[in-house]
């Protein structure tokens, strides 16, 4: 069994919003960055998989933010893998300062063939994964399975160059930006804690038109993002 690995990070000006606190997208980016770094360091990173025409795809994510760190603040990001099977892997996160916990997360990943875009049996990584497993439970509840919604508001925009990543589909953080762009700015300004659940269902490609639907129920907002009016791409739920 391995141990939890920690990575230092300083909150840079480009990562904060108008409140001078790290945005929720930035906090999630810290987590996803160390996921890639840690997988690389332990021998199952994208660089290894791409040699076999495989890659990692994030399928579900849940993050609870207690406090958003401020500009130039130094934080530590902990990460560890505690579950693995043929179809998915569970990776966990904690973002903390020396004296307090800031955010926690649970992510679920699958491996796909880059040419066929179909899921791949992950048992080929069993040996290397078993050496990376950590006997530590997930810090929060696993990502919820989200159902379709009947939106009360919608906005649309095309997928452009700056939206896509090395997998040639819309970047995870772009979905989060699109979601937060639909929220009242006062809600973001006065945020004192939230949980966000995300389900990634299908890939959005360059040139497709995205529709972001939202519905508010008290302190909970739900979202559904689709492409070209037919293909559901992502669902999200934020509870403040």
C-alpha atoms as a PDB file:
ATOM      1  CA  UNK A   1       0.000   0.000   0.000  1.00  0.00           C
ATOM      2  CA  UNK A   2       1.139   3.539  -0.831  1.00  0.00           C
ATOM      3  CA  UNK A   3       0.744   6.722   1.209  1.00  0.00           C
ATOM      4  CA  UNK A   4      -1.162   9.952   0.568  1.00  0.00           C
ATOM      5  CA  UNK A   5       0.937  12.300  -1.545  1.00  0.00           C
ATOM      6  CA  UNK A   6       0.997  16.079  -1.024  1.00  0.00           C
ATOM      7  CA  UNK A   7       1.820  18.816  -3.523  1.00  0.00           C
ATOM      8  CA  UNK A   8       2.406  22.494  -2.638  1.00  0.00           C
ATOM      9  CA  UNK A   9       0.682  25.312  -4.517  1.00  0.00           C
ATOM     10  CA  UNK A  10       0.595  29.114  -4.284  1.00  0.00           C
ATOM     11  CA  UNK A  11      -2.607  30.904  -5.298  1.00  0.00           C
ATOM     12  CA  UNK A  12      -1.616  33.117  -8.237  1.00  0.00           C
ATOM     13  CA  UNK A  13      -3.413  36.291  -9.418  1.00  0.00           C
ATOM     14  CA  UNK A  14      -4.825  34.597 -12.530  1.00  0.00           C
ATOM     15  CA  UNK A  15      -6.551  32.018 -10.303  1.00  0.00           C
ATOM     16  CA  UNK A  16      -8.628  34.429  -8.214  1.00  0.00           C
ATOM     17  CA  UNK A  17     -11.895  36.170  -9.031  1.00  0.00           C
ATOM     18  CA  UNK A  18     -13.015  39.700  -8.178  1.00  0.00           C
ATOM     19  CA  UNK A  19     -13.173  38.757  -4.464  1.00  0.00           C
ATOM     20  CA  UNK A  20      -9.405  38.017  -4.550  1.00  0.00           C
ATOM     21  CA  UNK A  21     -10.194  34.438  -3.548  1.00  0.00           C
ATOM     22  CA  UNK A  22      -9.377  31.385  -5.662  1.00  0.00           C
ATOM     23  CA  UNK A  23     -12.390  30.635  -7.835  1.00  0.00           C
ATOM     24  CA  UNK A  24     -14.123  27.278  -7.478  1.00  0.00           C
ATOM     25  CA  UNK A  25     -12.827  26.378 -10.949  1.00  0.00           C
ATOM     26  CA  UNK A  26      -9.272  27.150  -9.787  1.00  0.00           C
ATOM     27  CA  UNK A  27      -9.660  24.968  -6.690  1.00  0.00           C
ATOM     28  CA  UNK A  28     -10.889  22.109  -8.860  1.00  0.00           C
ATOM     29  CA  UNK A  29      -8.002  22.773 -11.231  1.00  0.00           C
ATOM     30  CA  UNK A  30      -5.558  22.272  -8.343  1.00  0.00           C
ATOM     31  CA  UNK A  31      -7.096  18.859  -7.786  1.00  0.00           C
ATOM     32  CA  UNK A  32      -7.052  17.823 -11.444  1.00  0.00           C
ATOM     33  CA  UNK A  33      -3.477  19.014 -11.892  1.00  0.00           C
ATOM     34  CA  UNK A  34      -2.180  16.908  -9.013  1.00  0.00           C
ATOM     35  CA  UNK A  35      -4.217  13.961 -10.317  1.00  0.00           C
ATOM     36  CA  UNK A  36      -2.216  14.131 -13.535  1.00  0.00           C
ATOM     37  CA  UNK A  37       1.093  14.699 -11.761  1.00  0.00           C
ATOM     38  CA  UNK A  38       0.530  11.904  -9.266  1.00  0.00           C
ATOM     39  CA  UNK A  39      -0.555   9.428 -11.956  1.00  0.00           C
ATOM     40  CA  UNK A  40       2.586  10.296 -13.940  1.00  0.00           C
ATOM     41  CA  UNK A  41       4.825   9.866 -10.901  1.00  0.00           C
ATOM     42  CA  UNK A  42       3.285   6.475 -10.139  1.00  0.00           C
ATOM     43  CA  UNK A  43       3.536   5.117 -13.683  1.00  0.00           C
ATOM     44  CA  UNK A  44       0.027   5.382 -15.118  1.00  0.00           C
ATOM     45  CA  UNK A  45      -0.104   8.943 -16.442  1.00  0.00           C
ATOM     46  CA  UNK A  46      -1.421  10.133 -19.785  1.00  0.00           C
ATOM     47  CA  UNK A  47       2.098   9.915 -21.251  1.00  0.00           C
ATOM     48  CA  UNK A  48       2.146   6.154 -20.626  1.00  0.00           C
ATOM     49  CA  UNK A  49      -1.421   5.545 -21.785  1.00  0.00           C
ATOM     50  CA  UNK A  50      -1.062   7.512 -25.015  1.00  0.00           C
ATOM     51  CA  UNK A  51       1.645   5.105 -26.117  1.00  0.00           C
ATOM     52  CA  UNK A  52      -1.179   2.554 -26.361  1.00  0.00           C
ATOM     53  CA  UNK A  53      -3.654   5.066 -27.866  1.00  0.00           C
ATOM     54  CA  UNK A  54      -5.466   5.271 -24.508  1.00  0.00           C
ATOM     55  CA  UNK A  55      -6.247   8.258 -22.291  1.00  0.00           C
ATOM     56  CA  UNK A  56      -7.955   9.125 -19.009  1.00  0.00           C
ATOM     57  CA  UNK A  57     -11.441  10.647 -18.974  1.00  0.00           C
ATOM     58  CA  UNK A  58     -13.120  12.117 -15.903  1.00  0.00           C
ATOM     59  CA  UNK A  59     -16.609  10.623 -15.506  1.00  0.00           C
ATOM     60  CA  UNK A  60     -17.846  12.050 -12.177  1.00  0.00           C
ATOM     61  CA  UNK A  61     -16.595  14.596  -9.656  1.00  0.00           C
ATOM     62  CA  UNK A  62     -17.781  15.906  -6.299  1.00  0.00           C
ATOM     63  CA  UNK A  63     -16.101  18.800  -4.487  1.00  0.00           C
ATOM     64  CA  UNK A  64     -16.983  20.455  -1.183  1.00  0.00           C
ATOM     65  CA  UNK A  65     -15.454  23.898  -0.672  1.00  0.00           C
ATOM     66  CA  UNK A  66     -15.371  25.160   2.910  1.00  0.00           C
ATOM     67  CA  UNK A  67     -13.225  28.224   2.294  1.00  0.00           C
ATOM     68  CA  UNK A  68     -11.617  29.743  -0.789  1.00  0.00           C
ATOM     69  CA  UNK A  69      -7.919  30.559  -0.253  1.00  0.00           C
ATOM     70  CA  UNK A  70      -6.809  34.097  -0.991  1.00  0.00           C
ATOM     71  CA  UNK A  71      -4.356  35.463  -3.545  1.00  0.00           C
ATOM     72  CA  UNK A  72      -0.698  34.495  -2.863  1.00  0.00           C
ATOM     73  CA  UNK A  73      -1.702  32.083  -0.117  1.00  0.00           C
ATOM     74  CA  UNK A  74       0.295  28.845   0.105  1.00  0.00           C
ATOM     75  CA  UNK A  75      -1.726  25.635   0.244  1.00  0.00           C
ATOM     76  CA  UNK A  76      -1.112  21.887   0.108  1.00  0.00           C
ATOM     77  CA  UNK A  77      -3.077  19.537  -2.148  1.00  0.00           C
ATOM     78  CA  UNK A  78      -3.276  15.910  -0.945  1.00  0.00           C
ATOM     79  CA  UNK A  79      -4.274  13.132  -3.319  1.00  0.00           C
ATOM     80  CA  UNK A  80      -4.692   9.370  -3.171  1.00  0.00           C
ATOM     81  CA  UNK A  81      -6.357   6.477  -4.999  1.00  0.00           C
ATOM     82  CA  UNK A  82      -8.432   4.115  -2.869  1.00  0.00           C
ATOM     83  CA  UNK A  83     -10.604   2.164  -5.325  1.00  0.00           C
ATOM     84  CA  UNK A  84      -9.936   0.498  -8.653  1.00  0.00           C
ATOM     85  CA  UNK A  85     -11.794  -1.960 -10.893  1.00  0.00           C
ATOM     86  CA  UNK A  86     -12.117  -2.884 -14.568  1.00  0.00           C
ATOM     87  CA  UNK A  87     -14.199   0.167 -15.438  1.00  0.00           C
ATOM     88  CA  UNK A  88     -13.263   2.972 -13.050  1.00  0.00           C
ATOM     89  CA  UNK A  89     -10.795   4.391 -10.584  1.00  0.00           C
ATOM     90  CA  UNK A  90     -11.522   6.620  -7.570  1.00  0.00           C
ATOM     91  CA  UNK A  91      -9.085   9.413  -6.712  1.00  0.00           C
ATOM     92  CA  UNK A  92      -9.492  11.683  -3.703  1.00  0.00           C
ATOM     93  CA  UNK A  93      -8.300  15.165  -2.758  1.00  0.00           C
ATOM     94  CA  UNK A  94      -7.844  17.551   0.131  1.00  0.00           C
ATOM     95  CA  UNK A  95      -6.825  21.211  -0.200  1.00  0.00           C
ATOM     96  CA  UNK A  96      -5.529  22.659   3.072  1.00  0.00           C
ATOM     97  CA  UNK A  97      -3.426  25.313   4.681  1.00  0.00           C
ATOM     98  CA  UNK A  98      -1.211  24.486   7.635  1.00  0.00           C
ATOM     99  CA  UNK A  99      -3.957  25.040  10.190  1.00  0.00           C
ATOM    100  CA  UNK A 100      -7.248  24.297   8.411  1.00  0.00           C
ATOM    101  CA  UNK A 101      -9.055  22.330   5.734  1.00  0.00           C
ATOM    102  CA  UNK A 102     -10.223  24.314   2.698  1.00  0.00           C
ATOM    103  CA  UNK A 103     -11.759  21.818   0.265  1.00  0.00           C
ATOM    104  CA  UNK A 104     -12.212  18.094  -0.359  1.00  0.00           C
ATOM    105  CA  UNK A 105     -13.022  16.116  -3.479  1.00  0.00           C
ATOM    106  CA  UNK A 106     -13.748  12.682  -4.931  1.00  0.00           C
ATOM    107  CA  UNK A 107     -13.248  11.914  -8.620  1.00  0.00           C
ATOM    108  CA  UNK A 108     -14.078   8.850 -10.710  1.00  0.00           C
ATOM    109  CA  UNK A 109     -12.132   8.124 -13.892  1.00  0.00           C
ATOM    110  CA  UNK A 110     -12.327   5.712 -16.798  1.00  0.00           C
ATOM    111  CA  UNK A 111      -9.870   4.861 -19.540  1.00  0.00           C
ATOM    112  CA  UNK A 112     -10.869   5.143 -23.216  1.00  0.00           C
ATOM    113  CA  UNK A 113      -9.378   4.274 -26.582  1.00  0.00           C
ATOM    114  CA  UNK A 114      -8.440   7.569 -28.267  1.00  0.00           C
ATOM    115  CA  UNK A 115      -9.406   6.271 -31.725  1.00  0.00           C
ATOM    116  CA  UNK A 116     -12.706   4.513 -30.989  1.00  0.00           C
ATOM    117  CA  UNK A 117     -13.614   6.712 -27.947  1.00  0.00           C
ATOM    118  CA  UNK A 118     -14.836   3.522 -26.232  1.00  0.00           C
ATOM    119  CA  UNK A 119     -14.104   2.444 -22.647  1.00  0.00           C
ATOM    120  CA  UNK A 120     -11.083   0.193 -22.116  1.00  0.00           C
ATOM    121  CA  UNK A 121     -10.678  -2.622 -19.575  1.00  0.00           C
ATOM    122  CA  UNK A 122      -8.430  -1.137 -16.893  1.00  0.00           C
ATOM    123  CA  UNK A 123      -7.274  -4.502 -15.543  1.00  0.00           C
ATOM    124  CA  UNK A 124      -4.160  -4.035 -17.698  1.00  0.00           C
ATOM    125  CA  UNK A 125      -3.029  -1.510 -15.053  1.00  0.00           C
ATOM    126  CA  UNK A 126      -3.762  -3.793 -12.105  1.00  0.00           C
ATOM    127  CA  UNK A 127      -0.146  -4.320 -11.016  1.00  0.00           C
ATOM    128  CA  UNK A 128       0.874  -0.662 -11.082  1.00  0.00           C
ATOM    129  CA  UNK A 129      -2.411   0.421  -9.511  1.00  0.00           C
ATOM    130  CA  UNK A 130      -2.131  -2.012  -6.614  1.00  0.00           C
ATOM    131  CA  UNK A 131       1.199  -0.418  -5.703  1.00  0.00           C
ATOM    132  CA  UNK A 132      -0.451   3.029  -5.718  1.00  0.00           C
ATOM    133  CA  UNK A 133      -3.524   2.165  -3.616  1.00  0.00           C
ATOM    134  CA  UNK A 134      -3.940   3.935  -0.264  1.00  0.00           C
ATOM    135  CA  UNK A 135      -5.970   2.500   2.627  1.00  0.00           C
ATOM    136  CA  UNK A 136      -7.788   5.770   3.313  1.00  0.00           C
ATOM    137  CA  UNK A 137     -11.526   6.308   2.684  1.00  0.00           C
ATOM    138  CA  UNK A 138     -12.866   9.082   0.488  1.00  0.00           C
ATOM    139  CA  UNK A 139     -13.173  12.335   2.494  1.00  0.00           C
ATOM    140  CA  UNK A 140     -16.718  13.144   1.309  1.00  0.00           C
ATOM    141  CA  UNK A 141     -19.649  11.300  -0.257  1.00  0.00           C
ATOM    142  CA  UNK A 142     -18.962   9.974  -3.747  1.00  0.00           C
ATOM    143  CA  UNK A 143     -20.381  11.975  -6.686  1.00  0.00           C
ATOM    144  CA  UNK A 144     -24.157  11.732  -6.964  1.00  0.00           C
ATOM    145  CA  UNK A 145     -25.857  10.339 -10.036  1.00  0.00           C
ATOM    146  CA  UNK A 146     -27.758  13.314 -11.452  1.00  0.00           C
ATOM    147  CA  UNK A 147     -31.022  13.149 -13.367  1.00  0.00           C
ATOM    148  CA  UNK A 148     -32.253  15.267 -16.247  1.00  0.00           C
ATOM    149  CA  UNK A 149     -33.890  18.606 -15.410  1.00  0.00           C
ATOM    150  CA  UNK A 150     -36.522  20.887 -16.884  1.00  0.00           C
ATOM    151  CA  UNK A 151     -34.570  24.171 -17.093  1.00  0.00           C
ATOM    152  CA  UNK A 152     -36.184  27.500 -16.412  1.00  0.00           C
ATOM    153  CA  UNK A 153     -33.374  29.463 -18.107  1.00  0.00           C
ATOM    154  CA  UNK A 154     -31.057  28.606 -21.010  1.00  0.00           C
ATOM    155  CA  UNK A 155     -28.072  30.168 -22.750  1.00  0.00           C
ATOM    156  CA  UNK A 156     -26.176  28.986 -25.840  1.00  0.00           C
ATOM    157  CA  UNK A 157     -22.699  29.356 -27.327  1.00  0.00           C
ATOM    158  CA  UNK A 158     -20.461  27.454 -29.769  1.00  0.00           C
ATOM    159  CA  UNK A 159     -17.447  25.343 -28.770  1.00  0.00           C
ATOM    160  CA  UNK A 160     -14.352  27.353 -29.715  1.00  0.00           C
ATOM    161  CA  UNK A 161     -10.590  26.769 -29.741  1.00  0.00           C
ATOM    162  CA  UNK A 162     -10.032  27.862 -26.131  1.00  0.00           C
ATOM    163  CA  UNK A 163     -12.619  25.330 -24.876  1.00  0.00           C
ATOM    164  CA  UNK A 164     -10.820  22.151 -25.986  1.00  0.00           C
ATOM    165  CA  UNK A 165      -7.989  20.212 -24.340  1.00  0.00           C
ATOM    166  CA  UNK A 166      -5.442  17.587 -25.434  1.00  0.00           C
ATOM    167  CA  UNK A 167      -8.251  15.032 -25.783  1.00  0.00           C
ATOM    168  CA  UNK A 168      -9.840  17.412 -28.346  1.00  0.00           C
ATOM    169  CA  UNK A 169     -13.015  17.776 -26.317  1.00  0.00           C
ATOM    170  CA  UNK A 170     -14.348  20.519 -24.035  1.00  0.00           C
ATOM    171  CA  UNK A 171     -12.137  20.893 -20.986  1.00  0.00           C
ATOM    172  CA  UNK A 172     -13.616  19.995 -17.582  1.00  0.00           C
ATOM    173  CA  UNK A 173     -12.921  23.454 -16.204  1.00  0.00           C
ATOM    174  CA  UNK A 174     -14.767  25.083 -19.097  1.00  0.00           C
ATOM    175  CA  UNK A 175     -17.971  23.322 -18.029  1.00  0.00           C
ATOM    176  CA  UNK A 176     -17.497  24.728 -14.528  1.00  0.00           C
ATOM    177  CA  UNK A 177     -16.930  28.229 -15.909  1.00  0.00           C
ATOM    178  CA  UNK A 178     -20.073  27.947 -18.047  1.00  0.00           C
ATOM    179  CA  UNK A 179     -22.081  26.874 -15.007  1.00  0.00           C
ATOM    180  CA  UNK A 180     -20.800  29.661 -12.761  1.00  0.00           C
ATOM    181  CA  UNK A 181     -21.362  32.228 -15.509  1.00  0.00           C
ATOM    182  CA  UNK A 182     -25.115  31.560 -15.200  1.00  0.00           C
ATOM    183  CA  UNK A 183     -25.230  32.178 -11.414  1.00  0.00           C
ATOM    184  CA  UNK A 184     -26.136  35.532  -9.832  1.00  0.00           C
ATOM    185  CA  UNK A 185     -22.867  37.300  -9.102  1.00  0.00           C
ATOM    186  CA  UNK A 186     -24.050  38.138  -5.576  1.00  0.00           C
ATOM    187  CA  UNK A 187     -24.301  34.419  -4.838  1.00  0.00           C
ATOM    188  CA  UNK A 188     -20.674  33.933  -5.844  1.00  0.00           C
ATOM    189  CA  UNK A 189     -19.515  37.018  -3.957  1.00  0.00           C
ATOM    190  CA  UNK A 190     -21.177  35.946  -0.710  1.00  0.00           C
ATOM    191  CA  UNK A 191     -20.383  32.240  -0.985  1.00  0.00           C
ATOM    192  CA  UNK A 192     -19.334  30.742   2.357  1.00  0.00           C
ATOM    193  CA  UNK A 193     -19.264  27.111   1.302  1.00  0.00           C
ATOM    194  CA  UNK A 194     -20.733  24.798  -1.315  1.00  0.00           C
ATOM    195  CA  UNK A 195     -20.851  21.293  -2.733  1.00  0.00           C
ATOM    196  CA  UNK A 196     -20.770  20.671  -6.470  1.00  0.00           C
ATOM    197  CA  UNK A 197     -21.519  17.320  -8.139  1.00  0.00           C
ATOM    198  CA  UNK A 198     -20.678  16.835 -11.806  1.00  0.00           C
ATOM    199  CA  UNK A 199     -21.569  13.978 -14.179  1.00  0.00           C
ATOM    200  CA  UNK A 200     -19.758  13.912 -17.528  1.00  0.00           C
ATOM    201  CA  UNK A 201     -21.872  11.960 -19.987  1.00  0.00           C
ATOM    202  CA  UNK A 202     -20.596  12.650 -23.498  1.00  0.00           C
ATOM    203  CA  UNK A 203     -17.872  14.622 -25.234  1.00  0.00           C
ATOM    204  CA  UNK A 204     -18.381  18.064 -26.754  1.00  0.00           C
ATOM    205  CA  UNK A 205     -16.323  18.708 -29.868  1.00  0.00           C
ATOM    206  CA  UNK A 206     -15.101  21.817 -31.657  1.00  0.00           C
ATOM    207  CA  UNK A 207     -17.862  23.612 -33.574  1.00  0.00           C
ATOM    208  CA  UNK A 208     -20.822  22.131 -31.702  1.00  0.00           C
ATOM    209  CA  UNK A 209     -23.305  24.549 -30.120  1.00  0.00           C
ATOM    210  CA  UNK A 210     -23.683  24.197 -26.361  1.00  0.00           C
ATOM    211  CA  UNK A 211     -26.921  24.926 -24.501  1.00  0.00           C
ATOM    212  CA  UNK A 212     -26.654  25.506 -20.740  1.00  0.00           C
ATOM    213  CA  UNK A 213     -29.932  24.944 -18.909  1.00  0.00           C
ATOM    214  CA  UNK A 214     -30.444  25.859 -15.250  1.00  0.00           C
ATOM    215  CA  UNK A 215     -33.104  25.563 -12.562  1.00  0.00           C
ATOM    216  CA  UNK A 216     -33.035  26.989  -9.027  1.00  0.00           C
ATOM    217  CA  UNK A 217     -34.629  25.331  -5.991  1.00  0.00           C
ATOM    218  CA  UNK A 218     -33.872  27.273  -2.810  1.00  0.00           C
ATOM    219  CA  UNK A 219     -30.135  27.070  -2.123  1.00  0.00           C
ATOM    220  CA  UNK A 220     -29.651  24.417  -4.810  1.00  0.00           C
ATOM    221  CA  UNK A 221     -28.985  25.005  -8.503  1.00  0.00           C
ATOM    222  CA  UNK A 222     -29.082  22.251 -11.117  1.00  0.00           C
ATOM    223  CA  UNK A 223     -27.646  22.392 -14.618  1.00  0.00           C
ATOM    224  CA  UNK A 224     -27.709  20.402 -17.830  1.00  0.00           C
ATOM    225  CA  UNK A 225     -25.396  21.141 -20.752  1.00  0.00           C
ATOM    226  CA  UNK A 226     -26.213  19.702 -24.166  1.00  0.00           C
ATOM    227  CA  UNK A 227     -24.757  19.915 -27.662  1.00  0.00           C
ATOM    228  CA  UNK A 228     -26.682  20.872 -30.802  1.00  0.00           C
ATOM    229  CA  UNK A 229     -29.951  20.551 -28.883  1.00  0.00           C
ATOM    230  CA  UNK A 230     -29.859  16.759 -28.665  1.00  0.00           C
ATOM    231  CA  UNK A 231     -26.758  15.267 -26.991  1.00  0.00           C
ATOM    232  CA  UNK A 232     -26.530  15.576 -23.192  1.00  0.00           C
ATOM    233  CA  UNK A 233     -22.942  16.311 -22.212  1.00  0.00           C
ATOM    234  CA  UNK A 234     -22.845  17.213 -18.550  1.00  0.00           C
ATOM    235  CA  UNK A 235     -25.112  17.543 -15.529  1.00  0.00           C
ATOM    236  CA  UNK A 236     -24.260  19.452 -12.373  1.00  0.00           C
ATOM    237  CA  UNK A 237     -25.733  20.270  -9.000  1.00  0.00           C
ATOM    238  CA  UNK A 238     -24.515  23.020  -6.650  1.00  0.00           C
ATOM    239  CA  UNK A 239     -25.752  23.370  -3.085  1.00  0.00           C
ATOM    240  CA  UNK A 240     -24.717  26.516  -1.236  1.00  0.00           C
END
